[in-house]
Amino acid sequence: MKLLKRVRSYLADVVAEMKKVSWVKRKELFTTTVVVIVFSSLLAAFIGLFDFVFARLLHLVLR
């Protein structure tokens, strides 16, 4: 019985804390998701470009 009481108390605390959470709106979530995807793609392209250039330079030096 003590375990059941502790579980109920825990769940009540979880519900109380979830009521305090401020959830983002769908439009804001979509916008930030697009920004993250675009930034990640640009960063990946930038790193890929530098990797390609340095690999070519290393190939020329070691030739």
PDB file of N, CA and C in Angstrom:
ATOM      1  N   MET A   1       0.814  -1.197   0.000  1.00  0.00           N
ATOM      2  CA  MET A   1       0.000   0.000   0.000  1.00  0.00           C
ATOM      3  C   MET A   1       0.858   1.260   0.000  1.00  0.00           C
ATOM      4  N   LYS A   2       1.990   1.200   0.696  1.00  0.00           N
ATOM      5  CA  LYS A   2       2.859   2.370   0.750  1.00  0.00           C
ATOM      6  C   LYS A   2       3.418   2.689  -0.643  1.00  0.00           C
ATOM      7  N   LEU A   3       3.738   1.642  -1.404  1.00  0.00           N
ATOM      8  CA  LEU A   3       4.247   1.833  -2.755  1.00  0.00           C
ATOM      9  C   LEU A   3       3.188   2.487  -3.641  1.00  0.00           C
ATOM     10  N   LEU A   4       1.957   2.030  -3.533  1.00  0.00           N
ATOM     11  CA  LEU A   4       0.865   2.591  -4.328  1.00  0.00           C
ATOM     12  C   LEU A   4       0.657   4.075  -3.996  1.00  0.00           C
ATOM     13  N   LYS A   5       0.786   4.413  -2.741  1.00  0.00           N
ATOM     14  CA  LYS A   5       0.637   5.809  -2.307  1.00  0.00           C
ATOM     15  C   LYS A   5       1.756   6.679  -2.886  1.00  0.00           C
ATOM     16  N   ARG A   6       2.971   6.132  -2.912  1.00  0.00           N
ATOM     17  CA  ARG A   6       4.108   6.867  -3.458  1.00  0.00           C
ATOM     18  C   ARG A   6       3.954   7.068  -4.970  1.00  0.00           C
ATOM     19  N   VAL A   7       3.450   6.045  -5.650  1.00  0.00           N
ATOM     20  CA  VAL A   7       3.239   6.147  -7.094  1.00  0.00           C
ATOM     21  C   VAL A   7       2.184   7.203  -7.395  1.00  0.00           C
ATOM     22  N   ARG A   8       1.101   7.204  -6.654  1.00  0.00           N
ATOM     23  CA  ARG A   8       0.051   8.214  -6.852  1.00  0.00           C
ATOM     24  C   ARG A   8       0.590   9.618  -6.614  1.00  0.00           C
ATOM     25  N   SER A   9       1.383   9.764  -5.557  1.00  0.00           N
ATOM     26  CA  SER A   9       1.970  11.066  -5.250  1.00  0.00           C
ATOM     27  C   SER A   9       2.890  11.518  -6.384  1.00  0.00           C
ATOM     28  N   TYR A  10       3.682  10.588  -6.887  1.00  0.00           N
ATOM     29  CA  TYR A  10       4.589  10.906  -7.992  1.00  0.00           C
ATOM     30  C   TYR A  10       3.800  11.351  -9.225  1.00  0.00           C
ATOM     31  N   LEU A  11       2.766  10.610  -9.571  1.00  0.00           N
ATOM     32  CA  LEU A  11       1.972  10.954 -10.744  1.00  0.00           C
ATOM     33  C   LEU A  11       1.258  12.292 -10.571  1.00  0.00           C
ATOM     34  N   ALA A  12       0.792  12.569  -9.371  1.00  0.00           N
ATOM     35  CA  ALA A  12       0.157  13.861  -9.101  1.00  0.00           C
ATOM     36  C   ALA A  12       1.167  14.995  -9.278  1.00  0.00           C
ATOM     37  N   ASP A  13       2.404  14.775  -8.832  1.00  0.00           N
ATOM     38  CA  ASP A  13       3.453  15.782  -9.003  1.00  0.00           C
ATOM     39  C   ASP A  13       3.779  15.991 -10.489  1.00  0.00           C
ATOM     40  N   VAL A  14       3.801  14.900 -11.238  1.00  0.00           N
ATOM     41  CA  VAL A  14       4.070  14.997 -12.669  1.00  0.00           C
ATOM     42  C   VAL A  14       2.988  15.822 -13.353  1.00  0.00           C
ATOM     43  N   VAL A  15       1.742  15.540 -13.047  1.00  0.00           N
ATOM     44  CA  VAL A  15       0.628  16.288 -13.640  1.00  0.00           C
ATOM     45  C   VAL A  15       0.728  17.766 -13.274  1.00  0.00           C
ATOM     46  N   ALA A  16       1.049  18.060 -12.026  1.00  0.00           N
ATOM     47  CA  ALA A  16       1.173  19.456 -11.581  1.00  0.00           C
ATOM     48  C   ALA A  16       2.291  20.176 -12.334  1.00  0.00           C
ATOM     49  N   GLU A  17       3.419  19.501 -12.531  1.00  0.00           N
ATOM     50  CA  GLU A  17       4.536  20.123 -13.243  1.00  0.00           C
ATOM     51  C   GLU A  17       4.221  20.302 -14.725  1.00  0.00           C
ATOM     52  N   MET A  18       3.518  19.345 -15.316  1.00  0.00           N
ATOM     53  CA  MET A  18       3.177  19.448 -16.737  1.00  0.00           C
ATOM     54  C   MET A  18       2.224  20.605 -17.002  1.00  0.00           C
ATOM     55  N   LYS A  19       1.426  20.978 -16.020  1.00  0.00           N
ATOM     56  CA  LYS A  19       0.533  22.127 -16.173  1.00  0.00           C
ATOM     57  C   LYS A  19       1.313  23.440 -16.211  1.00  0.00           C
ATOM     58  N   LYS A  20       2.527  23.445 -15.653  1.00  0.00           N
ATOM     59  CA  LYS A  20       3.355  24.644 -15.624  1.00  0.00           C
ATOM     60  C   LYS A  20       4.146  24.847 -16.922  1.00  0.00           C
ATOM     61  N   VAL A  21       4.233  23.817 -17.742  1.00  0.00           N
ATOM     62  CA  VAL A  21       5.039  23.878 -18.963  1.00  0.00           C
ATOM     63  C   VAL A  21       4.376  24.811 -19.976  1.00  0.00           C
ATOM     64  N   SER A  22       5.193  25.658 -20.595  1.00  0.00           N
ATOM     65  CA  SER A  22       4.662  26.506 -21.663  1.00  0.00           C
ATOM     66  C   SER A  22       5.033  25.860 -22.992  1.00  0.00           C
ATOM     67  N   TRP A  23       4.043  25.380 -23.689  1.00  0.00           N
ATOM     68  CA  TRP A  23       4.256  24.677 -24.943  1.00  0.00           C
ATOM     69  C   TRP A  23       4.315  25.676 -26.087  1.00  0.00           C
ATOM     70  N   VAL A  24       5.173  25.407 -27.070  1.00  0.00           N
ATOM     71  CA  VAL A  24       5.292  26.291 -28.223  1.00  0.00           C
ATOM     72  C   VAL A  24       4.127  26.051 -29.176  1.00  0.00           C
ATOM     73  N   LYS A  25       3.831  27.075 -29.946  1.00  0.00           N
ATOM     74  CA  LYS A  25       2.768  26.969 -30.948  1.00  0.00           C
ATOM     75  C   LYS A  25       3.289  26.189 -32.152  1.00  0.00           C
ATOM     76  N   ARG A  26       2.370  25.631 -32.920  1.00  0.00           N
ATOM     77  CA  ARG A  26       2.738  24.808 -34.080  1.00  0.00           C
ATOM     78  C   ARG A  26       3.589  25.599 -35.077  1.00  0.00           C
ATOM     79  N   LYS A  27       3.229  26.867 -35.335  1.00  0.00           N
ATOM     80  CA  LYS A  27       3.973  27.679 -36.301  1.00  0.00           C
ATOM     81  C   LYS A  27       5.406  27.917 -35.827  1.00  0.00           C
ATOM     82  N   GLU A  28       5.570  28.211 -34.549  1.00  0.00           N
ATOM     83  CA  GLU A  28       6.901  28.435 -34.000  1.00  0.00           C
ATOM     84  C   GLU A  28       7.743  27.157 -34.066  1.00  0.00           C
ATOM     85  N   LEU A  29       7.128  26.037 -33.773  1.00  0.00           N
ATOM     86  CA  LEU A  29       7.821  24.758 -33.855  1.00  0.00           C
ATOM     87  C   LEU A  29       8.266  24.482 -35.287  1.00  0.00           C
ATOM     88  N   PHE A  30       7.387  24.715 -36.255  1.00  0.00           N
ATOM     89  CA  PHE A  30       7.719  24.501 -37.662  1.00  0.00           C
ATOM     90  C   PHE A  30       8.869  25.411 -38.088  1.00  0.00           C
ATOM     91  N   THR A  31       8.795  26.686 -37.708  1.00  0.00           N
ATOM     92  CA  THR A  31       9.823  27.658 -38.089  1.00  0.00           C
ATOM     93  C   THR A  31      11.185  27.278 -37.522  1.00  0.00           C
ATOM     94  N   THR A  32      11.232  26.954 -36.254  1.00  0.00           N
ATOM     95  CA  THR A  32      12.519  26.595 -35.648  1.00  0.00           C
ATOM     96  C   THR A  32      13.056  25.290 -36.219  1.00  0.00           C
ATOM     97  N   THR A  33      12.167  24.362 -36.560  1.00  0.00           N
ATOM     98  CA  THR A  33      12.604  23.110 -37.175  1.00  0.00           C
ATOM     99  C   THR A  33      13.240  23.376 -38.537  1.00  0.00           C
ATOM    100  N   VAL A  34      12.625  24.245 -39.320  1.00  0.00           N
ATOM    101  CA  VAL A  34      13.181  24.592 -40.635  1.00  0.00           C
ATOM    102  C   VAL A  34      14.532  25.270 -40.477  1.00  0.00           C
ATOM    103  N   VAL A  35      14.651  26.163 -39.516  1.00  0.00           N
ATOM    104  CA  VAL A  35      15.928  26.855 -39.280  1.00  0.00           C
ATOM    105  C   VAL A  35      17.016  25.846 -38.920  1.00  0.00           C
ATOM    106  N   VAL A  36      16.703  24.895 -38.075  1.00  0.00           N
ATOM    107  CA  VAL A  36      17.690  23.891 -37.675  1.00  0.00           C
ATOM    108  C   VAL A  36      18.093  23.024 -38.860  1.00  0.00           C
ATOM    109  N   ILE A  37      17.129  22.620 -39.677  1.00  0.00           N
ATOM    110  CA  ILE A  37      17.440  21.785 -40.840  1.00  0.00           C
ATOM    111  C   ILE A  37      18.307  22.551 -41.843  1.00  0.00           C
ATOM    112  N   VAL A  38      17.961  23.807 -42.110  1.00  0.00           N
ATOM    113  CA  VAL A  38      18.740  24.617 -43.063  1.00  0.00           C
ATOM    114  C   VAL A  38      20.151  24.851 -42.526  1.00  0.00           C
ATOM    115  N   PHE A  39      20.273  25.232 -41.270  1.00  0.00           N
ATOM    116  CA  PHE A  39      21.596  25.485 -40.691  1.00  0.00           C
ATOM    117  C   PHE A  39      22.439  24.216 -40.685  1.00  0.00           C
ATOM    118  N   SER A  40      21.842  23.086 -40.341  1.00  0.00           N
ATOM    119  CA  SER A  40      22.575  21.816 -40.320  1.00  0.00           C
ATOM    120  C   SER A  40      23.044  21.443 -41.728  1.00  0.00           C
ATOM    121  N   SER A  41      22.196  21.672 -42.719  1.00  0.00           N
ATOM    122  CA  SER A  41      22.571  21.376 -44.105  1.00  0.00           C
ATOM    123  C   SER A  41      23.722  22.266 -44.563  1.00  0.00           C
ATOM    124  N   LEU A  42      23.642  23.548 -44.247  1.00  0.00           N
ATOM    125  CA  LEU A  42      24.724  24.468 -44.633  1.00  0.00           C
ATOM    126  C   LEU A  42      26.036  24.097 -43.938  1.00  0.00           C
ATOM    127  N   LEU A  43      25.953  23.761 -42.674  1.00  0.00           N
ATOM    128  CA  LEU A  43      27.157  23.372 -41.941  1.00  0.00           C
ATOM    129  C   LEU A  43      27.747  22.080 -42.509  1.00  0.00           C
ATOM    130  N   ALA A  44      26.900  21.126 -42.847  1.00  0.00           N
ATOM    131  CA  ALA A  44      27.380  19.875 -43.441  1.00  0.00           C
ATOM    132  C   ALA A  44      28.053  20.140 -44.783  1.00  0.00           C
ATOM    133  N   ALA A  45      27.471  21.015 -45.601  1.00  0.00           N
ATOM    134  CA  ALA A  45      28.067  21.360 -46.891  1.00  0.00           C
ATOM    135  C   ALA A  45      29.413  22.066 -46.702  1.00  0.00           C
ATOM    136  N   PHE A  46      29.478  22.964 -45.747  1.00  0.00           N
ATOM    137  CA  PHE A  46      30.714  23.690 -45.445  1.00  0.00           C
ATOM    138  C   PHE A  46      31.811  22.719 -45.009  1.00  0.00           C
ATOM    139  N   ILE A  47      31.502  21.825 -44.104  1.00  0.00           N
ATOM    140  CA  ILE A  47      32.482  20.852 -43.626  1.00  0.00           C
ATOM    141  C   ILE A  47      32.876  19.899 -44.756  1.00  0.00           C
ATOM    142  N   GLY A  48      31.895  19.482 -45.555  1.00  0.00           N
ATOM    143  CA  GLY A  48      32.195  18.610 -46.684  1.00  0.00           C
ATOM    144  C   GLY A  48      33.115  19.268 -47.691  1.00  0.00           C
ATOM    145  N   LEU A  49      32.885  20.544 -47.955  1.00  0.00           N
ATOM    146  CA  LEU A  49      33.732  21.291 -48.887  1.00  0.00           C
ATOM    147  C   LEU A  49      35.165  21.367 -48.373  1.00  0.00           C
ATOM    148  N   PHE A  50      35.323  21.713 -47.098  1.00  0.00           N
ATOM    149  CA  PHE A  50      36.667  21.793 -46.527  1.00  0.00           C
ATOM    150  C   PHE A  50      37.342  20.425 -46.515  1.00  0.00           C
ATOM    151  N   ASP A  51      36.596  19.389 -46.235  1.00  0.00           N
ATOM    152  CA  ASP A  51      37.147  18.042 -46.253  1.00  0.00           C
ATOM    153  C   ASP A  51      37.642  17.695 -47.653  1.00  0.00           C
ATOM    154  N   PHE A  52      36.853  18.019 -48.659  1.00  0.00           N
ATOM    155  CA  PHE A  52      37.241  17.752 -50.045  1.00  0.00           C
ATOM    156  C   PHE A  52      38.510  18.515 -50.411  1.00  0.00           C
ATOM    157  N   VAL A  53      38.542  19.802 -50.069  1.00  0.00           N
ATOM    158  CA  VAL A  53      39.705  20.636 -50.406  1.00  0.00           C
ATOM    159  C   VAL A  53      40.957  20.125 -49.698  1.00  0.00           C
ATOM    160  N   PHE A  54      40.857  19.843 -48.409  1.00  0.00           N
ATOM    161  CA  PHE A  54      42.029  19.365 -47.671  1.00  0.00           C
ATOM    162  C   PHE A  54      42.470  17.978 -48.134  1.00  0.00           C
ATOM    163  N   ALA A  55      41.539  17.137 -48.520  1.00  0.00           N
ATOM    164  CA  ALA A  55      41.899  15.810 -49.040  1.00  0.00           C
ATOM    165  C   ALA A  55      42.660  15.958 -50.352  1.00  0.00           C
ATOM    166  N   ARG A  56      42.202  16.874 -51.220  1.00  0.00           N
ATOM    167  CA  ARG A  56      42.905  17.113 -52.487  1.00  0.00           C
ATOM    168  C   ARG A  56      44.304  17.681 -52.239  1.00  0.00           C
ATOM    169  N   LEU A  57      44.398  18.635 -51.308  1.00  0.00           N
ATOM    170  CA  LEU A  57      45.702  19.213 -50.993  1.00  0.00           C
ATOM    171  C   LEU A  57      46.650  18.155 -50.436  1.00  0.00           C
ATOM    172  N   LEU A  58      46.163  17.325 -49.560  1.00  0.00           N
ATOM    173  CA  LEU A  58      46.983  16.263 -48.987  1.00  0.00           C
ATOM    174  C   LEU A  58      47.411  15.287 -50.064  1.00  0.00           C
ATOM    175  N   HIS A  59      46.520  14.984 -50.984  1.00  0.00           N
ATOM    176  CA  HIS A  59      46.859  14.093 -52.092  1.00  0.00           C
ATOM    177  C   HIS A  59      47.974  14.701 -52.953  1.00  0.00           C
ATOM    178  N   LEU A  60      47.904  16.008 -53.212  1.00  0.00           N
ATOM    179  CA  LEU A  60      48.933  16.678 -54.005  1.00  0.00           C
ATOM    180  C   LEU A  60      50.276  16.698 -53.269  1.00  0.00           C
ATOM    181  N   VAL A  61      50.250  16.920 -51.968  1.00  0.00           N
ATOM    182  CA  VAL A  61      51.481  16.984 -51.181  1.00  0.00           C
ATOM    183  C   VAL A  61      52.143  15.617 -51.101  1.00  0.00           C
ATOM    184  N   LEU A  62      51.370  14.583 -50.931  1.00  0.00           N
ATOM    185  CA  LEU A  62      51.921  13.250 -50.774  1.00  0.00           C
ATOM    186  C   LEU A  62      52.256  12.562 -52.097  1.00  0.00           C
ATOM    187  N   ARG A  63      51.903  13.159 -53.174  1.00  0.00           N
ATOM    188  CA  ARG A  63      52.138  12.583 -54.496  1.00  0.00           C
ATOM    189  C   ARG A  63      53.583  12.490 -54.847  1.00  0.00           C
TER     190      ARG A  63
END
